[in-house]
Every structure is written in structure tokens, then in C-alpha cells.
Amino acid sequence: MGVIVDKVSRFDALTAYEMQKAHNNTYADADENTKAWIHRLAEYYFRNTPTEVKQAFYNTMEKTGINPFPNGFANSLQQLSIERDFATFGDDDIFGDTLESAIATLKKILEVTANPRLSPDEWSQYAEILRKEEVFYGEMLAALGGHA
């Protein structure tokens, strides 16, 4: 016979999980493990970029409080990286090694967020995340002088 979990305990556990998930979708409220994960992803995606691009990314997270890598959602940056990886048979470095190439990629990310390839059901589910992405990458682009 399985373990019986009372409805209150199950509700409390689900509520706690949903709260943690919501907090981890923002940078400002994320736990330390989530922040460490965000920084590892950032170091991967910005591995060849100039220091000013990496700094703009970190500053934008602090300024906006937005987690650019929300749980459970392949964001526009990740989608573009995967597309490049497939198109080039392994090169997923979408930002390149110059300020100009990073600015061009940020503009492409903003284009993708403005024109997402989502079904109506997906749109309703991810509209808020896309809005936050647009704010985040628009702020980062502006910080780099590429306008937003």
C-alpha cells in the first residue's frame, strides 16, 4: 500500500514548488543555485564576446531583475544558438567576438521575440516570458549603444 498524503500537505508542497518556480523565473528573487546556473549559461553563450558585452548582460540582469533563462522555456537566445548549431554543424557561437556581432545578435533576438513562432496556445502560455525577454534584450542593446 502506498503512502497517503493528506490534501493539505500536497497543496502546501505544490504551492511551495510553484512559488520557487516563480521566484527562479526572476533574477532578483532567484535562489543561489539558480543564479549560479544563470551565470554558467551566460559564460557559455558569451564565451568569446568582449568584456563590455558580458558586463552589459550582468548589469541588465541586476537592473531589470529578469532571468533571461527562465525554467522550462527555450528562450530566443537558445533557439537562435540551436539553429546556428544545426546550420553550421556545430558552431553555436551566436554572439561572436566583437561588439558589432553581439549587437547584431541582440537585434536578431529582439526580432524573434517580436515575431515568435508559436501556436495560439503556446502564445498565451509564453506571452509574459516573451515580453520580459524583449525588455531584457532591449535594455542590454541600449546599454551597448545599439539602440532599442
N, C-alpha and C. Protein backbone atom coordinates (compact mmCIF):
# COMPACT_ATOMS: atom_id res chain seq x y z
N MET A 1 0.85 -1.18 0.00
CA MET A 1 0.00 0.00 0.00
C MET A 1 0.89 1.24 0.00
N GLY A 2 0.56 2.21 -0.83
CA GLY A 2 1.36 3.42 -0.95
C GLY A 2 1.18 4.37 0.22
N VAL A 3 2.00 5.37 0.23
CA VAL A 3 1.95 6.39 1.26
C VAL A 3 0.76 7.31 0.98
N ILE A 4 0.01 7.60 1.99
CA ILE A 4 -1.12 8.51 1.85
C ILE A 4 -0.66 9.90 2.25
N VAL A 5 -0.87 10.83 1.35
CA VAL A 5 -0.51 12.22 1.62
C VAL A 5 -1.82 12.99 1.75
N ASP A 6 -1.96 13.67 2.86
CA ASP A 6 -3.21 14.42 3.03
C ASP A 6 -3.25 15.59 2.06
N LYS A 7 -4.46 16.04 1.77
CA LYS A 7 -4.65 17.10 0.79
C LYS A 7 -3.96 18.40 1.16
N VAL A 8 -3.92 18.72 2.44
CA VAL A 8 -3.27 19.96 2.88
C VAL A 8 -1.78 19.89 2.63
N SER A 9 -1.15 18.77 2.96
CA SER A 9 0.30 18.63 2.74
C SER A 9 0.63 18.69 1.25
N ARG A 10 -0.19 18.04 0.43
CA ARG A 10 0.02 18.05 -1.01
C ARG A 10 -0.14 19.48 -1.54
N PHE A 11 -1.16 20.19 -1.09
CA PHE A 11 -1.38 21.57 -1.51
C PHE A 11 -0.21 22.44 -1.09
N ASP A 12 0.28 22.29 0.14
CA ASP A 12 1.42 23.08 0.62
C ASP A 12 2.66 22.81 -0.21
N ALA A 13 2.89 21.55 -0.56
CA ALA A 13 4.06 21.19 -1.36
C ALA A 13 3.95 21.78 -2.77
N LEU A 14 2.78 21.69 -3.37
CA LEU A 14 2.59 22.26 -4.70
C LEU A 14 2.72 23.77 -4.68
N THR A 15 2.17 24.40 -3.66
CA THR A 15 2.27 25.85 -3.53
C THR A 15 3.73 26.28 -3.38
N ALA A 16 4.48 25.56 -2.56
CA ALA A 16 5.91 25.87 -2.36
C ALA A 16 6.68 25.69 -3.66
N TYR A 17 6.37 24.63 -4.40
CA TYR A 17 7.04 24.39 -5.68
C TYR A 17 6.75 25.51 -6.67
N GLU A 18 5.48 25.89 -6.79
CA GLU A 18 5.10 26.96 -7.71
C GLU A 18 5.74 28.29 -7.32
N MET A 19 5.84 28.56 -6.03
CA MET A 19 6.49 29.81 -5.57
C MET A 19 7.97 29.79 -5.94
N GLN A 20 8.64 28.65 -5.70
CA GLN A 20 10.06 28.55 -6.03
C GLN A 20 10.25 28.72 -7.54
N LYS A 21 9.41 28.08 -8.33
CA LYS A 21 9.50 28.19 -9.78
C LYS A 21 9.31 29.64 -10.22
N ALA A 22 8.34 30.32 -9.63
CA ALA A 22 8.10 31.73 -9.97
C ALA A 22 9.28 32.60 -9.57
N HIS A 23 9.83 32.38 -8.38
CA HIS A 23 10.99 33.17 -7.93
C HIS A 23 12.19 32.92 -8.84
N ASN A 24 12.37 31.69 -9.27
CA ASN A 24 13.52 31.37 -10.10
C ASN A 24 13.37 31.87 -11.53
N ASN A 25 12.18 32.34 -11.90
CA ASN A 25 12.00 32.95 -13.21
C ASN A 25 12.33 34.44 -13.19
N THR A 26 12.68 34.96 -12.04
CA THR A 26 13.19 36.32 -11.95
C THR A 26 14.61 36.24 -11.41
N TYR A 27 15.46 37.12 -11.85
CA TYR A 27 16.83 37.10 -11.34
C TYR A 27 16.88 37.65 -9.91
N ALA A 28 16.12 38.68 -9.66
CA ALA A 28 16.16 39.33 -8.35
C ALA A 28 15.77 38.40 -7.22
N ASP A 29 14.81 37.50 -7.46
CA ASP A 29 14.32 36.61 -6.41
C ASP A 29 14.86 35.19 -6.51
N ALA A 30 15.72 34.92 -7.46
CA ALA A 30 16.22 33.56 -7.67
C ALA A 30 17.08 33.11 -6.49
N ASP A 31 17.06 31.80 -6.25
CA ASP A 31 17.92 31.24 -5.21
C ASP A 31 19.36 31.16 -5.74
N GLU A 32 20.28 30.86 -4.87
CA GLU A 32 21.70 30.86 -5.24
C GLU A 32 22.03 29.83 -6.31
N ASN A 33 21.39 28.65 -6.25
CA ASN A 33 21.63 27.63 -7.28
C ASN A 33 21.19 28.13 -8.65
N THR A 34 20.04 28.79 -8.71
CA THR A 34 19.55 29.31 -9.97
C THR A 34 20.48 30.41 -10.49
N LYS A 35 20.93 31.29 -9.61
CA LYS A 35 21.85 32.35 -10.04
C LYS A 35 23.15 31.75 -10.57
N ALA A 36 23.65 30.71 -9.91
CA ALA A 36 24.88 30.06 -10.37
C ALA A 36 24.65 29.43 -11.75
N TRP A 37 23.49 28.83 -11.95
CA TRP A 37 23.15 28.22 -13.23
C TRP A 37 23.07 29.29 -14.32
N ILE A 38 22.45 30.43 -14.02
CA ILE A 38 22.35 31.53 -14.97
C ILE A 38 23.74 32.00 -15.36
N HIS A 39 24.63 32.13 -14.39
CA HIS A 39 25.99 32.60 -14.67
C HIS A 39 26.76 31.59 -15.53
N ARG A 40 26.55 30.28 -15.28
CA ARG A 40 27.22 29.27 -16.12
C ARG A 40 26.73 29.36 -17.56
N LEU A 41 25.42 29.51 -17.74
CA LEU A 41 24.88 29.65 -19.10
C LEU A 41 25.42 30.91 -19.76
N ALA A 42 25.45 32.00 -19.02
CA ALA A 42 25.95 33.26 -19.57
C ALA A 42 27.41 33.11 -20.01
N GLU A 43 28.22 32.48 -19.19
CA GLU A 43 29.63 32.30 -19.55
C GLU A 43 29.77 31.45 -20.81
N TYR A 44 28.85 30.51 -20.99
CA TYR A 44 28.87 29.70 -22.21
C TYR A 44 28.50 30.55 -23.43
N TYR A 45 27.38 31.22 -23.36
CA TYR A 45 26.90 31.98 -24.53
C TYR A 45 27.78 33.18 -24.83
N PHE A 46 28.40 33.77 -23.83
CA PHE A 46 29.22 34.97 -24.03
C PHE A 46 30.72 34.66 -23.94
N ARG A 47 31.07 33.42 -24.21
CA ARG A 47 32.45 32.95 -24.03
C ARG A 47 33.48 33.69 -24.87
N ASN A 48 33.12 34.18 -26.04
CA ASN A 48 34.08 34.84 -26.91
C ASN A 48 33.84 36.34 -27.04
N THR A 49 32.83 36.85 -26.36
CA THR A 49 32.48 38.26 -26.53
C THR A 49 33.43 39.16 -25.74
N PRO A 50 33.50 40.41 -26.15
CA PRO A 50 34.29 41.37 -25.36
C PRO A 50 33.70 41.51 -23.95
N THR A 51 34.54 41.91 -23.03
CA THR A 51 34.14 42.06 -21.63
C THR A 51 32.95 43.00 -21.49
N GLU A 52 32.88 44.05 -22.29
CA GLU A 52 31.78 45.01 -22.17
C GLU A 52 30.42 44.36 -22.47
N VAL A 53 30.40 43.35 -23.33
CA VAL A 53 29.14 42.66 -23.65
C VAL A 53 28.72 41.81 -22.45
N LYS A 54 29.66 41.07 -21.88
CA LYS A 54 29.35 40.27 -20.69
C LYS A 54 28.88 41.17 -19.55
N GLN A 55 29.56 42.27 -19.37
CA GLN A 55 29.20 43.19 -18.29
C GLN A 55 27.82 43.78 -18.51
N ALA A 56 27.49 44.10 -19.75
CA ALA A 56 26.15 44.62 -20.06
C ALA A 56 25.10 43.57 -19.73
N PHE A 57 25.38 42.31 -20.00
CA PHE A 57 24.45 41.23 -19.69
C PHE A 57 24.20 41.16 -18.18
N TYR A 58 25.27 41.13 -17.40
CA TYR A 58 25.13 41.04 -15.94
C TYR A 58 24.47 42.30 -15.36
N ASN A 59 24.84 43.45 -15.88
CA ASN A 59 24.23 44.70 -15.41
C ASN A 59 22.73 44.74 -15.73
N THR A 60 22.37 44.22 -16.90
CA THR A 60 20.96 44.20 -17.29
C THR A 60 20.16 43.28 -16.37
N MET A 61 20.73 42.16 -15.98
CA MET A 61 20.05 41.28 -15.03
C MET A 61 19.80 42.00 -13.71
N GLU A 62 20.83 42.69 -13.22
CA GLU A 62 20.70 43.43 -11.96
C GLU A 62 19.67 44.56 -12.09
N LYS A 63 19.73 45.29 -13.19
CA LYS A 63 18.86 46.44 -13.39
C LYS A 63 17.39 46.03 -13.54
N THR A 64 17.14 45.00 -14.36
CA THR A 64 15.76 44.61 -14.66
C THR A 64 15.20 43.57 -13.70
N GLY A 65 16.08 42.79 -13.06
CA GLY A 65 15.63 41.69 -12.21
C GLY A 65 15.12 40.50 -13.00
N ILE A 66 15.30 40.52 -14.32
CA ILE A 66 14.78 39.46 -15.19
C ILE A 66 15.81 38.34 -15.33
N ASN A 67 15.32 37.10 -15.22
CA ASN A 67 16.12 35.92 -15.51
C ASN A 67 16.00 35.67 -17.01
N PRO A 68 17.08 35.83 -17.77
CA PRO A 68 16.99 35.64 -19.21
C PRO A 68 16.90 34.17 -19.63
N PHE A 69 17.03 33.26 -18.67
CA PHE A 69 16.94 31.82 -18.93
C PHE A 69 15.87 31.20 -18.03
N PRO A 70 14.60 31.56 -18.24
CA PRO A 70 13.56 31.04 -17.35
C PRO A 70 13.41 29.52 -17.44
N ASN A 71 13.06 28.92 -16.33
CA ASN A 71 12.89 27.47 -16.26
C ASN A 71 11.80 26.99 -17.19
N GLY A 72 12.09 25.91 -17.90
CA GLY A 72 11.06 25.27 -18.71
C GLY A 72 10.75 25.95 -20.02
N PHE A 73 11.59 26.87 -20.46
CA PHE A 73 11.30 27.59 -21.70
C PHE A 73 12.60 27.81 -22.46
N ALA A 74 12.66 27.33 -23.69
CA ALA A 74 13.82 27.59 -24.54
C ALA A 74 13.65 28.99 -25.10
N ASN A 75 14.41 29.93 -24.56
CA ASN A 75 14.23 31.32 -24.95
C ASN A 75 14.80 31.59 -26.34
N SER A 76 14.62 32.81 -26.80
CA SER A 76 15.03 33.18 -28.15
C SER A 76 16.53 33.03 -28.35
N LEU A 77 17.33 33.39 -27.37
CA LEU A 77 18.77 33.23 -27.46
C LEU A 77 19.12 31.76 -27.68
N GLN A 78 18.53 30.89 -26.89
CA GLN A 78 18.81 29.46 -27.00
C GLN A 78 18.33 28.92 -28.35
N GLN A 79 17.17 29.37 -28.81
CA GLN A 79 16.66 28.92 -30.10
C GLN A 79 17.60 29.33 -31.24
N LEU A 80 18.08 30.57 -31.21
CA LEU A 80 19.00 31.02 -32.25
C LEU A 80 20.31 30.25 -32.20
N SER A 81 20.78 29.95 -31.02
CA SER A 81 22.01 29.18 -30.85
C SER A 81 21.86 27.77 -31.43
N ILE A 82 20.72 27.15 -31.17
CA ILE A 82 20.46 25.80 -31.70
C ILE A 82 20.36 25.85 -33.23
N GLU A 83 19.67 26.85 -33.75
CA GLU A 83 19.55 26.98 -35.21
C GLU A 83 20.92 27.14 -35.86
N ARG A 84 21.77 27.96 -35.24
CA ARG A 84 23.12 28.15 -35.80
C ARG A 84 23.92 26.86 -35.71
N ASP A 85 23.78 26.16 -34.60
CA ASP A 85 24.48 24.89 -34.40
C ASP A 85 24.13 23.91 -35.52
N PHE A 86 22.85 23.78 -35.84
CA PHE A 86 22.43 22.87 -36.90
C PHE A 86 22.88 23.37 -38.28
N ALA A 87 22.80 24.65 -38.51
CA ALA A 87 23.16 25.21 -39.81
C ALA A 87 24.65 25.11 -40.10
N THR A 88 25.47 25.14 -39.05
CA THR A 88 26.92 25.14 -39.23
C THR A 88 27.58 23.84 -38.79
N PHE A 89 26.77 22.87 -38.43
CA PHE A 89 27.27 21.57 -37.96
C PHE A 89 28.19 21.69 -36.75
N GLY A 90 27.74 22.49 -35.77
CA GLY A 90 28.45 22.51 -34.50
C GLY A 90 28.88 23.85 -33.96
N ASP A 91 28.78 24.90 -34.74
CA ASP A 91 29.18 26.22 -34.26
C ASP A 91 27.94 26.96 -33.73
N ASP A 92 27.81 27.01 -32.42
CA ASP A 92 26.64 27.67 -31.82
C ASP A 92 26.97 29.03 -31.22
N ASP A 93 28.12 29.58 -31.56
CA ASP A 93 28.55 30.87 -31.02
C ASP A 93 27.83 32.00 -31.75
N ILE A 94 26.66 32.37 -31.24
CA ILE A 94 25.84 33.36 -31.95
C ILE A 94 26.29 34.80 -31.71
N PHE A 95 27.05 35.05 -30.64
CA PHE A 95 27.44 36.42 -30.34
C PHE A 95 28.75 36.84 -30.99
N GLY A 96 29.60 35.89 -31.31
CA GLY A 96 30.87 36.22 -31.93
C GLY A 96 31.84 36.88 -30.96
N ASP A 97 32.85 37.52 -31.53
CA ASP A 97 33.91 38.07 -30.68
C ASP A 97 34.08 39.58 -30.80
N THR A 98 33.07 40.22 -31.38
CA THR A 98 33.14 41.69 -31.47
C THR A 98 31.86 42.31 -30.91
N LEU A 99 31.97 43.57 -30.57
CA LEU A 99 30.80 44.32 -30.11
C LEU A 99 29.75 44.37 -31.21
N GLU A 100 30.18 44.57 -32.45
CA GLU A 100 29.25 44.66 -33.57
C GLU A 100 28.47 43.36 -33.77
N SER A 101 29.16 42.21 -33.66
CA SER A 101 28.46 40.94 -33.84
C SER A 101 27.48 40.69 -32.69
N ALA A 102 27.83 41.11 -31.48
CA ALA A 102 26.92 40.96 -30.34
C ALA A 102 25.69 41.84 -30.52
N ILE A 103 25.89 43.07 -30.98
CA ILE A 103 24.76 43.97 -31.22
C ILE A 103 23.84 43.40 -32.30
N ALA A 104 24.42 42.86 -33.36
CA ALA A 104 23.61 42.26 -34.43
C ALA A 104 22.79 41.08 -33.88
N THR A 105 23.37 40.29 -33.00
CA THR A 105 22.65 39.16 -32.41
C THR A 105 21.54 39.64 -31.49
N LEU A 106 21.79 40.67 -30.71
CA LEU A 106 20.75 41.22 -29.85
C LEU A 106 19.57 41.72 -30.68
N LYS A 107 19.85 42.36 -31.81
CA LYS A 107 18.78 42.81 -32.69
C LYS A 107 18.00 41.62 -33.26
N LYS A 108 18.70 40.55 -33.57
CA LYS A 108 18.03 39.34 -34.07
C LYS A 108 17.16 38.72 -32.98
N ILE A 109 17.65 38.69 -31.74
CA ILE A 109 16.85 38.18 -30.62
C ILE A 109 15.58 39.00 -30.48
N LEU A 110 15.70 40.30 -30.55
CA LEU A 110 14.52 41.16 -30.44
C LEU A 110 13.55 40.93 -31.60
N GLU A 111 14.08 40.66 -32.77
CA GLU A 111 13.22 40.34 -33.91
C GLU A 111 12.45 39.04 -33.66
N VAL A 112 13.13 38.06 -33.10
CA VAL A 112 12.48 36.77 -32.79
C VAL A 112 11.42 36.94 -31.70
N THR A 113 11.71 37.75 -30.68
CA THR A 113 10.71 37.95 -29.63
C THR A 113 9.49 38.70 -30.15
N ALA A 114 9.69 39.58 -31.13
CA ALA A 114 8.58 40.32 -31.71
C ALA A 114 7.75 39.46 -32.67
N ASN A 115 8.37 38.42 -33.21
CA ASN A 115 7.70 37.55 -34.18
C ASN A 115 7.91 36.08 -33.81
N PRO A 116 7.41 35.67 -32.65
CA PRO A 116 7.67 34.29 -32.20
C PRO A 116 6.95 33.27 -33.08
N ARG A 117 7.56 32.12 -33.19
CA ARG A 117 6.96 31.01 -33.94
C ARG A 117 6.20 30.13 -32.95
N LEU A 118 5.05 30.61 -32.52
CA LEU A 118 4.26 29.91 -31.52
C LEU A 118 2.83 29.73 -31.99
N SER A 119 2.24 28.63 -31.56
CA SER A 119 0.81 28.43 -31.81
C SER A 119 0.05 29.35 -30.85
N PRO A 120 -1.24 29.57 -31.10
CA PRO A 120 -2.03 30.40 -30.17
C PRO A 120 -2.00 29.89 -28.73
N ASP A 121 -2.02 28.59 -28.55
CA ASP A 121 -1.95 28.03 -27.19
C ASP A 121 -0.60 28.34 -26.55
N GLU A 122 0.47 28.17 -27.31
CA GLU A 122 1.80 28.47 -26.80
C GLU A 122 1.94 29.96 -26.52
N TRP A 123 1.37 30.80 -27.39
CA TRP A 123 1.46 32.24 -27.21
C TRP A 123 0.88 32.65 -25.88
N SER A 124 -0.29 32.14 -25.55
CA SER A 124 -0.92 32.51 -24.27
C SER A 124 -0.08 32.03 -23.10
N GLN A 125 0.60 30.92 -23.26
CA GLN A 125 1.43 30.38 -22.17
C GLN A 125 2.74 31.16 -22.01
N TYR A 126 3.30 31.63 -23.11
CA TYR A 126 4.64 32.23 -23.06
C TYR A 126 4.67 33.74 -23.31
N ALA A 127 3.54 34.38 -23.44
CA ALA A 127 3.50 35.81 -23.74
C ALA A 127 4.27 36.64 -22.72
N GLU A 128 4.09 36.35 -21.45
CA GLU A 128 4.78 37.10 -20.40
C GLU A 128 6.30 36.90 -20.46
N ILE A 129 6.72 35.69 -20.73
CA ILE A 129 8.16 35.41 -20.85
C ILE A 129 8.74 36.15 -22.04
N LEU A 130 8.03 36.15 -23.16
CA LEU A 130 8.50 36.88 -24.34
C LEU A 130 8.57 38.38 -24.08
N ARG A 131 7.59 38.90 -23.35
CA ARG A 131 7.61 40.33 -23.01
C ARG A 131 8.85 40.65 -22.17
N LYS A 132 9.15 39.79 -21.20
CA LYS A 132 10.33 40.01 -20.36
C LYS A 132 11.62 39.89 -21.18
N GLU A 133 11.65 38.96 -22.11
CA GLU A 133 12.81 38.84 -22.98
C GLU A 133 13.02 40.12 -23.78
N GLU A 134 11.93 40.64 -24.30
CA GLU A 134 12.01 41.87 -25.09
C GLU A 134 12.55 43.02 -24.25
N VAL A 135 12.07 43.14 -23.03
CA VAL A 135 12.57 44.18 -22.12
C VAL A 135 14.05 43.96 -21.83
N PHE A 136 14.40 42.73 -21.48
CA PHE A 136 15.77 42.41 -21.11
C PHE A 136 16.75 42.72 -22.24
N TYR A 137 16.50 42.14 -23.42
CA TYR A 137 17.46 42.31 -24.50
C TYR A 137 17.41 43.73 -25.09
N GLY A 138 16.28 44.39 -24.99
CA GLY A 138 16.21 45.80 -25.39
C GLY A 138 17.08 46.67 -24.49
N GLU A 139 17.02 46.42 -23.18
CA GLU A 139 17.87 47.15 -22.21
C GLU A 139 19.34 46.86 -22.45
N MET A 140 19.66 45.59 -22.72
CA MET A 140 21.06 45.23 -22.95
C MET A 140 21.57 45.89 -24.23
N LEU A 141 20.75 45.89 -25.27
CA LEU A 141 21.15 46.54 -26.52
C LEU A 141 21.39 48.02 -26.31
N ALA A 142 20.50 48.67 -25.57
CA ALA A 142 20.66 50.10 -25.28
C ALA A 142 21.94 50.36 -24.48
N ALA A 143 22.25 49.47 -23.55
CA ALA A 143 23.46 49.63 -22.74
C ALA A 143 24.72 49.55 -23.60
N LEU A 144 24.63 48.82 -24.70
CA LEU A 144 25.78 48.68 -25.59
C LEU A 144 25.79 49.74 -26.70
N GLY A 145 24.82 50.64 -26.67
CA GLY A 145 24.78 51.71 -27.65
C GLY A 145 24.18 51.30 -28.99
N GLY A 146 23.51 50.15 -29.02
CA GLY A 146 22.93 49.69 -30.28
C GLY A 146 21.49 50.11 -30.46
N HIS A 147 21.00 50.94 -29.54
CA HIS A 147 19.62 51.44 -29.54
C HIS A 147 18.65 50.29 -29.27
N ALA A 148 17.45 50.62 -28.87
CA ALA A 148 16.43 49.60 -28.60
C ALA A 148 15.07 50.09 -29.00
